[in-house]
């Protein structure tokens, strides 16, 4: 499984509007935006921007600033748009608790920022978590040691919590 990176989230923010680094950083630090989802330093963000630009997903252009030196403003390229679309429409998202907390919430935030419907994103996440829960519950019934049984029971309970929380997501998002 690959590492969790903010790459696609950055692409989504740039799809919503062209931004320079500090504007992006604000999105990752503001708790009303992504600040409770990601913990990103300035150097980490600029490394992501350099990587995405090198990969051709974004394009940086120097623009004049009224309050200081010129800034590099980033926009999404066609390749970046395709990558973002694939991420938003991931058919089988991870059921890992950490990935749900970071990737799923990021997908929801970006979909809403782009005025896209979120119901399919929630549905795909629910299906992935249900499949994993069923698989682990079946393994739990065949556990051969107490530690294996306890571990599987723990993860099944976590997934039960995620599934209840996804119902809350559906209700909250439908009312907004």
N, C-alpha and C. Protein backbone atom coordinates (compact mmCIF):
# COMPACT_ATOMS: atom_id res chain seq x y z
N UNK A 1 0.84 -1.17 0.00
CA UNK A 1 0.00 0.00 0.00
C UNK A 1 0.89 1.24 0.00
N UNK A 2 0.55 2.19 -0.82
CA UNK A 2 1.36 3.39 -0.93
C UNK A 2 1.14 4.32 0.26
N UNK A 3 2.08 5.20 0.45
CA UNK A 3 1.99 6.18 1.54
C UNK A 3 0.86 7.17 1.26
N UNK A 4 0.31 7.70 2.32
CA UNK A 4 -0.72 8.73 2.17
C UNK A 4 -0.01 10.05 1.92
N UNK A 5 -0.34 10.68 0.81
CA UNK A 5 0.24 11.98 0.50
C UNK A 5 -0.89 12.98 0.24
N UNK A 6 -0.60 14.26 0.40
CA UNK A 6 -1.62 15.28 0.13
C UNK A 6 -1.71 15.66 -1.35
N UNK A 7 -1.03 14.93 -2.21
CA UNK A 7 -0.93 15.32 -3.62
C UNK A 7 -2.28 15.60 -4.27
N UNK A 8 -3.19 14.63 -4.20
CA UNK A 8 -4.49 14.80 -4.86
C UNK A 8 -5.32 15.89 -4.19
N UNK A 9 -5.14 16.05 -2.89
CA UNK A 9 -5.85 17.12 -2.19
C UNK A 9 -5.36 18.48 -2.70
N UNK A 10 -4.06 18.62 -2.90
CA UNK A 10 -3.51 19.85 -3.47
C UNK A 10 -4.07 20.06 -4.88
N UNK A 11 -4.13 19.00 -5.66
CA UNK A 11 -4.70 19.12 -7.01
C UNK A 11 -6.14 19.62 -6.94
N UNK A 12 -6.90 19.11 -6.00
CA UNK A 12 -8.28 19.54 -5.84
C UNK A 12 -8.40 21.00 -5.45
N UNK A 13 -7.53 21.44 -4.55
CA UNK A 13 -7.55 22.85 -4.16
C UNK A 13 -7.22 23.74 -5.35
N UNK A 14 -6.29 23.28 -6.19
CA UNK A 14 -5.92 24.07 -7.37
C UNK A 14 -7.00 23.99 -8.45
N UNK A 15 -7.76 22.92 -8.49
CA UNK A 15 -8.88 22.84 -9.43
C UNK A 15 -9.96 23.85 -9.05
N UNK A 16 -10.10 24.09 -7.75
CA UNK A 16 -11.08 25.06 -7.28
C UNK A 16 -10.67 26.48 -7.63
N UNK A 17 -9.35 26.76 -7.52
CA UNK A 17 -8.83 28.08 -7.91
C UNK A 17 -7.30 28.04 -7.90
N UNK A 18 -6.71 28.83 -8.77
CA UNK A 18 -5.25 28.97 -8.80
C UNK A 18 -4.82 29.58 -7.47
N UNK A 19 -3.71 29.07 -6.93
CA UNK A 19 -3.25 29.56 -5.63
C UNK A 19 -1.73 29.53 -5.57
N UNK A 20 -1.20 30.33 -4.66
CA UNK A 20 0.23 30.25 -4.37
C UNK A 20 0.40 29.43 -3.09
N UNK A 21 1.62 29.11 -2.75
CA UNK A 21 1.91 28.20 -1.66
C UNK A 21 1.29 28.57 -0.33
N UNK A 22 1.36 29.84 0.05
CA UNK A 22 0.83 30.22 1.36
C UNK A 22 -0.69 30.13 1.41
N UNK A 23 -1.35 30.35 0.28
CA UNK A 23 -2.80 30.17 0.24
C UNK A 23 -3.14 28.68 0.42
N UNK A 24 -2.36 27.82 -0.21
CA UNK A 24 -2.56 26.38 -0.04
C UNK A 24 -2.29 25.97 1.40
N UNK A 25 -1.19 26.48 1.95
CA UNK A 25 -0.83 26.14 3.32
C UNK A 25 -1.94 26.53 4.29
N UNK A 26 -2.56 27.68 4.05
CA UNK A 26 -3.67 28.12 4.89
C UNK A 26 -4.80 27.08 4.90
N UNK A 27 -5.08 26.49 3.75
CA UNK A 27 -6.13 25.46 3.68
C UNK A 27 -5.78 24.25 4.54
N UNK A 28 -4.50 23.93 4.62
CA UNK A 28 -4.06 22.77 5.41
C UNK A 28 -3.89 23.09 6.89
N UNK A 29 -3.90 24.38 7.24
CA UNK A 29 -3.73 24.75 8.65
C UNK A 29 -5.02 25.22 9.30
N UNK A 30 -5.95 25.70 8.52
CA UNK A 30 -7.22 26.21 9.05
C UNK A 30 -8.09 25.02 9.48
N UNK A 31 -8.45 24.94 10.77
CA UNK A 31 -9.25 23.80 11.23
C UNK A 31 -10.64 23.74 10.60
N UNK A 32 -11.13 24.83 10.04
CA UNK A 32 -12.42 24.82 9.36
C UNK A 32 -12.30 24.26 7.95
N UNK A 33 -11.08 24.08 7.50
CA UNK A 33 -10.83 23.51 6.17
C UNK A 33 -10.21 22.13 6.36
N UNK A 34 -8.91 22.00 6.12
CA UNK A 34 -8.25 20.69 6.22
C UNK A 34 -7.32 20.57 7.42
N UNK A 35 -7.31 21.57 8.28
CA UNK A 35 -6.39 21.60 9.40
C UNK A 35 -6.55 20.48 10.40
N UNK A 36 -7.73 19.89 10.49
CA UNK A 36 -7.93 18.76 11.39
C UNK A 36 -7.71 17.42 10.68
N UNK A 37 -7.50 17.47 9.38
CA UNK A 37 -7.28 16.26 8.59
C UNK A 37 -5.80 16.03 8.35
N UNK A 38 -5.10 17.09 7.97
CA UNK A 38 -3.68 17.01 7.63
C UNK A 38 -2.85 17.84 8.60
N UNK A 39 -1.63 17.40 8.86
CA UNK A 39 -0.63 18.19 9.58
C UNK A 39 0.52 18.37 8.61
N UNK A 40 0.56 19.51 7.95
CA UNK A 40 1.51 19.75 6.88
C UNK A 40 2.35 20.98 7.19
N UNK A 41 3.66 20.85 7.11
CA UNK A 41 4.54 22.00 7.32
C UNK A 41 4.74 22.74 6.00
N UNK A 42 5.29 23.92 6.09
CA UNK A 42 5.57 24.71 4.89
C UNK A 42 6.51 23.95 3.96
N UNK A 43 7.58 23.37 4.52
CA UNK A 43 8.54 22.64 3.67
C UNK A 43 7.90 21.41 3.02
N UNK A 44 7.03 20.73 3.74
CA UNK A 44 6.34 19.56 3.16
C UNK A 44 5.47 20.00 1.98
N UNK A 45 4.72 21.08 2.16
CA UNK A 45 3.86 21.56 1.09
C UNK A 45 4.68 21.95 -0.14
N UNK A 46 5.77 22.68 0.07
CA UNK A 46 6.57 23.09 -1.09
C UNK A 46 7.24 21.90 -1.77
N UNK A 47 7.56 20.86 -1.02
CA UNK A 47 8.07 19.63 -1.65
C UNK A 47 6.99 18.97 -2.51
N UNK A 48 5.76 18.97 -2.03
CA UNK A 48 4.65 18.42 -2.82
C UNK A 48 4.47 19.24 -4.10
N UNK A 49 4.50 20.56 -3.98
CA UNK A 49 4.33 21.42 -5.16
C UNK A 49 5.43 21.17 -6.18
N UNK A 50 6.68 21.05 -5.72
CA UNK A 50 7.79 20.78 -6.63
C UNK A 50 7.60 19.44 -7.33
N UNK A 51 7.20 18.43 -6.56
CA UNK A 51 7.00 17.09 -7.14
C UNK A 51 5.86 17.11 -8.17
N UNK A 52 4.74 17.74 -7.83
CA UNK A 52 3.61 17.79 -8.75
C UNK A 52 3.96 18.56 -10.02
N UNK A 53 4.76 19.61 -9.87
CA UNK A 53 5.18 20.38 -11.05
C UNK A 53 6.12 19.55 -11.92
N UNK A 54 7.06 18.85 -11.28
CA UNK A 54 7.99 17.98 -12.00
C UNK A 54 7.24 16.87 -12.76
N UNK A 55 6.17 16.35 -12.14
CA UNK A 55 5.37 15.29 -12.76
C UNK A 55 4.42 15.82 -13.83
N UNK A 56 4.31 17.12 -13.96
CA UNK A 56 3.44 17.71 -14.97
C UNK A 56 1.98 17.81 -14.56
N UNK A 57 1.69 17.64 -13.28
CA UNK A 57 0.31 17.70 -12.80
C UNK A 57 -0.14 19.14 -12.56
N UNK A 58 0.82 20.03 -12.27
CA UNK A 58 0.52 21.44 -12.06
C UNK A 58 1.53 22.30 -12.82
N UNK A 59 1.17 23.54 -12.99
CA UNK A 59 2.05 24.50 -13.66
C UNK A 59 2.18 25.72 -12.75
N UNK A 60 3.42 26.13 -12.49
CA UNK A 60 3.66 27.31 -11.69
C UNK A 60 3.97 28.50 -12.58
N UNK A 61 3.41 29.64 -12.23
CA UNK A 61 3.64 30.86 -13.00
C UNK A 61 3.86 32.01 -12.02
N UNK A 62 4.92 32.77 -12.24
CA UNK A 62 5.22 33.88 -11.36
C UNK A 62 4.23 35.03 -11.59
N UNK A 63 3.67 35.54 -10.51
CA UNK A 63 2.73 36.67 -10.59
C UNK A 63 3.19 37.76 -9.63
N UNK A 64 2.93 38.98 -10.00
CA UNK A 64 3.31 40.12 -9.16
C UNK A 64 2.47 40.13 -7.89
N UNK A 65 3.08 40.62 -6.82
CA UNK A 65 2.38 40.72 -5.54
C UNK A 65 2.39 42.17 -5.12
N UNK A 66 1.25 42.65 -4.63
CA UNK A 66 1.15 44.04 -4.19
C UNK A 66 1.93 44.26 -2.89
N UNK A 67 2.08 43.21 -2.10
CA UNK A 67 2.67 43.37 -0.78
C UNK A 67 4.06 42.77 -0.63
N UNK A 68 4.71 42.42 -1.72
CA UNK A 68 6.03 41.82 -1.60
C UNK A 68 6.57 41.35 -2.94
N UNK A 69 7.53 40.45 -2.89
CA UNK A 69 8.12 39.94 -4.14
C UNK A 69 7.10 39.09 -4.91
N UNK A 70 7.39 38.84 -6.17
CA UNK A 70 6.48 38.00 -6.96
C UNK A 70 6.31 36.63 -6.31
N UNK A 71 5.16 36.04 -6.55
CA UNK A 71 4.86 34.72 -6.00
C UNK A 71 4.60 33.76 -7.15
N UNK A 72 4.82 32.49 -6.88
CA UNK A 72 4.49 31.47 -7.87
C UNK A 72 3.07 31.00 -7.61
N UNK A 73 2.23 31.20 -8.60
CA UNK A 73 0.84 30.75 -8.51
C UNK A 73 0.72 29.48 -9.33
N UNK A 74 0.04 28.49 -8.76
CA UNK A 74 -0.06 27.18 -9.39
C UNK A 74 -1.46 26.95 -9.93
N UNK A 75 -1.49 26.31 -11.09
CA UNK A 75 -2.75 25.89 -11.70
C UNK A 75 -2.64 24.42 -12.08
N UNK A 76 -3.77 23.83 -12.30
CA UNK A 76 -3.84 22.42 -12.65
C UNK A 76 -3.63 22.22 -14.14
N UNK A 77 -2.85 21.22 -14.51
CA UNK A 77 -2.68 20.86 -15.92
C UNK A 77 -3.75 19.82 -16.28
N UNK A 78 -3.81 19.47 -17.56
CA UNK A 78 -4.76 18.43 -17.98
C UNK A 78 -4.43 17.10 -17.30
N UNK A 79 -3.14 16.80 -17.17
CA UNK A 79 -2.73 15.56 -16.49
C UNK A 79 -3.14 15.60 -15.01
N UNK A 80 -3.02 16.76 -14.40
CA UNK A 80 -3.44 16.92 -13.01
C UNK A 80 -4.94 16.76 -12.84
N UNK A 81 -5.68 17.30 -13.81
CA UNK A 81 -7.14 17.16 -13.78
C UNK A 81 -7.55 15.69 -13.90
N UNK A 82 -6.87 14.96 -14.77
CA UNK A 82 -7.18 13.53 -14.94
C UNK A 82 -6.85 12.76 -13.66
N UNK A 83 -5.74 13.07 -13.06
CA UNK A 83 -5.34 12.41 -11.81
C UNK A 83 -6.34 12.72 -10.69
N UNK A 84 -6.76 13.97 -10.61
CA UNK A 84 -7.74 14.37 -9.61
C UNK A 84 -9.06 13.63 -9.82
N UNK A 85 -9.50 13.57 -11.04
CA UNK A 85 -10.76 12.89 -11.35
C UNK A 85 -10.70 11.41 -10.97
N UNK A 86 -9.58 10.77 -11.28
CA UNK A 86 -9.41 9.35 -10.92
C UNK A 86 -9.46 9.17 -9.40
N UNK A 87 -8.86 10.08 -8.67
CA UNK A 87 -8.84 10.00 -7.21
C UNK A 87 -10.24 10.23 -6.63
N UNK A 88 -10.94 11.24 -7.13
CA UNK A 88 -12.28 11.52 -6.64
C UNK A 88 -13.24 10.37 -6.91
N UNK A 89 -13.01 9.66 -8.00
CA UNK A 89 -13.89 8.57 -8.41
C UNK A 89 -13.31 7.20 -8.15
N UNK A 90 -12.35 7.12 -7.22
CA UNK A 90 -11.72 5.84 -6.87
C UNK A 90 -12.80 4.79 -6.62
N UNK A 91 -12.82 3.71 -7.43
CA UNK A 91 -13.91 2.73 -7.29
C UNK A 91 -13.80 1.87 -6.03
N UNK A 92 -12.60 1.70 -5.50
CA UNK A 92 -12.40 0.83 -4.35
C UNK A 92 -11.46 1.50 -3.34
N UNK A 93 -11.97 2.50 -2.61
CA UNK A 93 -11.11 3.19 -1.65
C UNK A 93 -10.68 2.25 -0.53
N UNK A 94 -9.60 2.59 0.11
CA UNK A 94 -9.07 1.79 1.21
C UNK A 94 -10.02 1.84 2.41
N UNK A 95 -10.11 0.72 3.12
CA UNK A 95 -10.92 0.67 4.33
C UNK A 95 -10.06 0.86 5.58
N UNK A 96 -8.78 1.13 5.39
CA UNK A 96 -7.89 1.41 6.52
C UNK A 96 -8.43 2.61 7.29
N UNK A 97 -8.47 2.49 8.61
CA UNK A 97 -9.02 3.57 9.44
C UNK A 97 -8.28 4.88 9.18
N UNK A 98 -6.97 4.84 9.09
CA UNK A 98 -6.19 6.06 8.84
C UNK A 98 -6.52 6.65 7.47
N UNK A 99 -6.64 5.79 6.48
CA UNK A 99 -6.96 6.30 5.13
C UNK A 99 -8.38 6.86 5.07
N UNK A 100 -9.30 6.26 5.80
CA UNK A 100 -10.65 6.81 5.84
C UNK A 100 -10.58 8.21 6.46
N UNK A 101 -9.85 8.35 7.57
CA UNK A 101 -9.77 9.63 8.25
C UNK A 101 -9.11 10.71 7.40
N UNK A 102 -8.12 10.32 6.61
CA UNK A 102 -7.39 11.33 5.84
C UNK A 102 -7.90 11.41 4.39
N UNK A 103 -7.86 10.31 3.66
CA UNK A 103 -8.22 10.35 2.23
C UNK A 103 -9.71 10.58 2.01
N UNK A 104 -10.55 9.85 2.74
CA UNK A 104 -11.98 10.02 2.55
C UNK A 104 -12.42 11.44 2.90
N UNK A 105 -11.98 11.94 4.05
CA UNK A 105 -12.35 13.31 4.42
C UNK A 105 -11.80 14.33 3.42
N UNK A 106 -10.61 14.08 2.89
CA UNK A 106 -10.06 14.98 1.87
C UNK A 106 -10.89 14.93 0.61
N UNK A 107 -11.31 13.73 0.20
CA UNK A 107 -12.18 13.61 -0.98
C UNK A 107 -13.47 14.40 -0.78
N UNK A 108 -14.07 14.24 0.39
CA UNK A 108 -15.31 14.99 0.66
C UNK A 108 -15.07 16.49 0.59
N UNK A 109 -14.00 16.95 1.23
CA UNK A 109 -13.70 18.38 1.24
C UNK A 109 -13.53 18.91 -0.18
N UNK A 110 -12.75 18.19 -0.98
CA UNK A 110 -12.49 18.64 -2.35
C UNK A 110 -13.75 18.57 -3.20
N UNK A 111 -14.51 17.50 -3.08
CA UNK A 111 -15.76 17.40 -3.85
C UNK A 111 -16.68 18.58 -3.53
N UNK A 112 -16.78 18.92 -2.27
CA UNK A 112 -17.62 20.05 -1.89
C UNK A 112 -17.04 21.37 -2.39
N UNK A 113 -15.71 21.51 -2.35
CA UNK A 113 -15.07 22.73 -2.86
C UNK A 113 -15.31 22.91 -4.35
N UNK A 114 -15.46 21.78 -5.05
CA UNK A 114 -15.69 21.81 -6.50
C UNK A 114 -17.18 21.72 -6.84
N UNK A 115 -18.03 21.77 -5.82
CA UNK A 115 -19.49 21.68 -5.99
C UNK A 115 -19.90 20.38 -6.68
N UNK A 116 -19.21 19.29 -6.34
CA UNK A 116 -19.53 17.97 -6.88
C UNK A 116 -20.36 17.20 -5.87
N UNK A 117 -21.22 16.30 -6.34
CA UNK A 117 -22.00 15.49 -5.39
C UNK A 117 -21.08 14.57 -4.59
N UNK A 118 -21.45 14.34 -3.34
CA UNK A 118 -20.62 13.51 -2.46
C UNK A 118 -21.21 12.14 -2.20
N UNK A 119 -22.45 11.91 -2.59
CA UNK A 119 -23.12 10.65 -2.24
C UNK A 119 -22.38 9.44 -2.80
N UNK A 120 -21.86 9.50 -4.00
CA UNK A 120 -21.14 8.35 -4.57
C UNK A 120 -19.82 8.10 -3.83
N UNK A 121 -19.18 9.16 -3.39
CA UNK A 121 -17.93 9.01 -2.63
C UNK A 121 -18.22 8.29 -1.31
N UNK A 122 -19.29 8.70 -0.63
CA UNK A 122 -19.66 8.06 0.63
C UNK A 122 -20.07 6.61 0.38
N UNK A 123 -20.84 6.38 -0.67
CA UNK A 123 -21.30 5.02 -0.99
C UNK A 123 -20.13 4.08 -1.26
N UNK A 124 -19.17 4.53 -2.06
CA UNK A 124 -18.01 3.67 -2.37
C UNK A 124 -17.19 3.39 -1.10
N UNK A 125 -17.07 4.38 -0.23
CA UNK A 125 -16.33 4.17 1.02
C UNK A 125 -17.07 3.17 1.91
N UNK A 126 -18.38 3.31 1.99
CA UNK A 126 -19.19 2.39 2.79
C UNK A 126 -19.03 0.96 2.26
N UNK A 127 -19.12 0.79 0.96
CA UNK A 127 -18.99 -0.55 0.37
C UNK A 127 -17.63 -1.16 0.66
N UNK A 128 -16.58 -0.37 0.55
CA UNK A 128 -15.23 -0.88 0.83
C UNK A 128 -15.11 -1.31 2.29
N UNK A 129 -15.66 -0.51 3.19
CA UNK A 129 -15.59 -0.84 4.62
C UNK A 129 -16.46 -2.06 4.95
N UNK A 130 -17.61 -2.17 4.32
CA UNK A 130 -18.47 -3.35 4.53
C UNK A 130 -17.78 -4.63 4.06
N UNK A 131 -17.17 -4.57 2.89
CA UNK A 131 -16.46 -5.75 2.37
C UNK A 131 -15.35 -6.18 3.33
N UNK A 132 -14.58 -5.20 3.80
CA UNK A 132 -13.48 -5.52 4.71
C UNK A 132 -14.01 -6.04 6.04
N UNK A 133 -15.08 -5.46 6.53
CA UNK A 133 -15.66 -5.92 7.79
C UNK A 133 -16.12 -7.37 7.66
N UNK A 134 -16.79 -7.70 6.57
CA UNK A 134 -17.26 -9.08 6.35
C UNK A 134 -16.09 -10.04 6.24
N UNK A 135 -15.05 -9.65 5.55
CA UNK A 135 -13.86 -10.51 5.40
C UNK A 135 -13.22 -10.77 6.77
N UNK A 136 -13.06 -9.72 7.55
CA UNK A 136 -12.43 -9.86 8.85
C UNK A 136 -13.31 -10.62 9.85
N UNK A 137 -14.62 -10.43 9.77
CA UNK A 137 -15.54 -11.16 10.65
C UNK A 137 -15.46 -12.66 10.35
N UNK A 138 -15.34 -13.01 9.07
CA UNK A 138 -15.20 -14.43 8.71
C UNK A 138 -13.87 -14.98 9.24
N UNK A 139 -12.80 -14.20 9.13
CA UNK A 139 -11.51 -14.63 9.68
C UNK A 139 -11.60 -14.77 11.20
N UNK A 140 -12.32 -13.84 11.84
CA UNK A 140 -12.47 -13.88 13.30
C UNK A 140 -13.11 -15.18 13.76
N UNK A 141 -14.08 -15.66 13.01
CA UNK A 141 -14.77 -16.90 13.39
C UNK A 141 -13.84 -18.11 13.32
N UNK A 142 -12.71 -17.96 12.64
CA UNK A 142 -11.76 -19.08 12.50
C UNK A 142 -10.44 -18.80 13.23
N UNK A 143 -10.42 -17.77 14.07
CA UNK A 143 -9.19 -17.41 14.78
C UNK A 143 -8.67 -18.60 15.58
N UNK A 144 -7.34 -18.74 15.58
CA UNK A 144 -6.75 -19.90 16.24
C UNK A 144 -6.01 -19.56 17.53
N UNK A 145 -6.00 -18.30 17.89
CA UNK A 145 -5.39 -17.93 19.16
C UNK A 145 -6.18 -16.76 19.74
N UNK A 146 -6.00 -16.56 21.04
CA UNK A 146 -6.74 -15.47 21.68
C UNK A 146 -6.28 -14.11 21.16
N UNK A 147 -5.00 -13.94 20.90
CA UNK A 147 -4.51 -12.64 20.42
C UNK A 147 -5.03 -12.37 19.00
N UNK A 148 -5.08 -13.41 18.19
CA UNK A 148 -5.64 -13.24 16.84
C UNK A 148 -7.11 -12.87 16.94
N UNK A 149 -7.84 -13.54 17.81
CA UNK A 149 -9.27 -13.25 17.99
C UNK A 149 -9.48 -11.82 18.49
N UNK A 150 -8.69 -11.42 19.48
CA UNK A 150 -8.82 -10.06 20.02
C UNK A 150 -8.48 -9.01 18.97
N UNK A 151 -7.44 -9.26 18.20
CA UNK A 151 -7.03 -8.30 17.17
C UNK A 151 -8.11 -8.15 16.11
N UNK A 152 -8.62 -9.27 15.63
CA UNK A 152 -9.67 -9.21 14.61
C UNK A 152 -10.94 -8.58 15.15
N UNK A 153 -11.30 -8.88 16.40
CA UNK A 153 -12.48 -8.26 17.01
C UNK A 153 -12.31 -6.75 17.10
N UNK A 154 -11.11 -6.32 17.44
CA UNK A 154 -10.81 -4.89 17.55
C UNK A 154 -11.02 -4.18 16.21
N UNK A 155 -10.48 -4.76 15.16
CA UNK A 155 -10.58 -4.12 13.84
C UNK A 155 -12.03 -4.15 13.34
N UNK A 156 -12.74 -5.23 13.59
CA UNK A 156 -14.16 -5.30 13.20
C UNK A 156 -14.95 -4.20 13.94
N UNK A 157 -14.67 -4.02 15.23
CA UNK A 157 -15.35 -2.97 16.00
C UNK A 157 -15.01 -1.58 15.44
N UNK A 158 -13.77 -1.37 15.05
CA UNK A 158 -13.39 -0.09 14.44
C UNK A 158 -14.20 0.14 13.16
N UNK A 159 -14.29 -0.88 12.34
CA UNK A 159 -15.05 -0.75 11.10
C UNK A 159 -16.53 -0.52 11.37
N UNK A 160 -17.07 -1.15 12.41
CA UNK A 160 -18.46 -0.88 12.79
C UNK A 160 -18.63 0.60 13.12
N UNK A 161 -17.67 1.16 13.84
CA UNK A 161 -17.70 2.58 14.16
C UNK A 161 -17.62 3.45 12.91
N UNK A 162 -16.76 3.08 11.99
CA UNK A 162 -16.64 3.83 10.74
C UNK A 162 -17.95 3.76 9.96
N UNK A 163 -18.56 2.61 9.92
CA UNK A 163 -19.83 2.47 9.19
C UNK A 163 -20.93 3.32 9.81
N UNK A 164 -21.00 3.38 11.14
CA UNK A 164 -21.97 4.27 11.80
C UNK A 164 -21.66 5.73 11.45
N UNK A 165 -20.37 6.07 11.49
CA UNK A 165 -19.95 7.44 11.19
C UNK A 165 -20.28 7.80 9.73
N UNK A 166 -20.13 6.85 8.81
CA UNK A 166 -20.47 7.11 7.41
C UNK A 166 -21.95 7.42 7.25
N UNK A 167 -22.79 6.80 8.07
CA UNK A 167 -24.22 7.14 8.05
C UNK A 167 -24.42 8.58 8.49
N UNK A 168 -23.67 9.00 9.50
CA UNK A 168 -23.71 10.39 9.95
C UNK A 168 -23.27 11.32 8.82
N UNK A 169 -22.22 10.93 8.11
CA UNK A 169 -21.73 11.73 6.98
C UNK A 169 -22.84 11.93 5.95
N UNK A 170 -23.52 10.84 5.61
CA UNK A 170 -24.60 10.92 4.61
C UNK A 170 -25.68 11.89 5.06
N UNK A 171 -26.09 11.78 6.31
CA UNK A 171 -27.14 12.64 6.85
C UNK A 171 -26.70 14.10 6.85
N UNK A 172 -25.52 14.35 7.36
CA UNK A 172 -25.02 15.72 7.44
C UNK A 172 -24.83 16.34 6.06
N UNK A 173 -24.26 15.60 5.14
CA UNK A 173 -24.01 16.12 3.80
C UNK A 173 -25.29 16.33 3.02
N UNK A 174 -26.28 15.49 3.27
CA UNK A 174 -27.56 15.64 2.58
C UNK A 174 -28.30 16.89 3.04
N UNK A 175 -28.05 17.31 4.28
CA UNK A 175 -28.75 18.48 4.81
C UNK A 175 -28.03 19.79 4.51
N UNK A 176 -26.80 19.71 4.00
CA UNK A 176 -26.04 20.94 3.69
C UNK A 176 -26.07 21.28 2.23
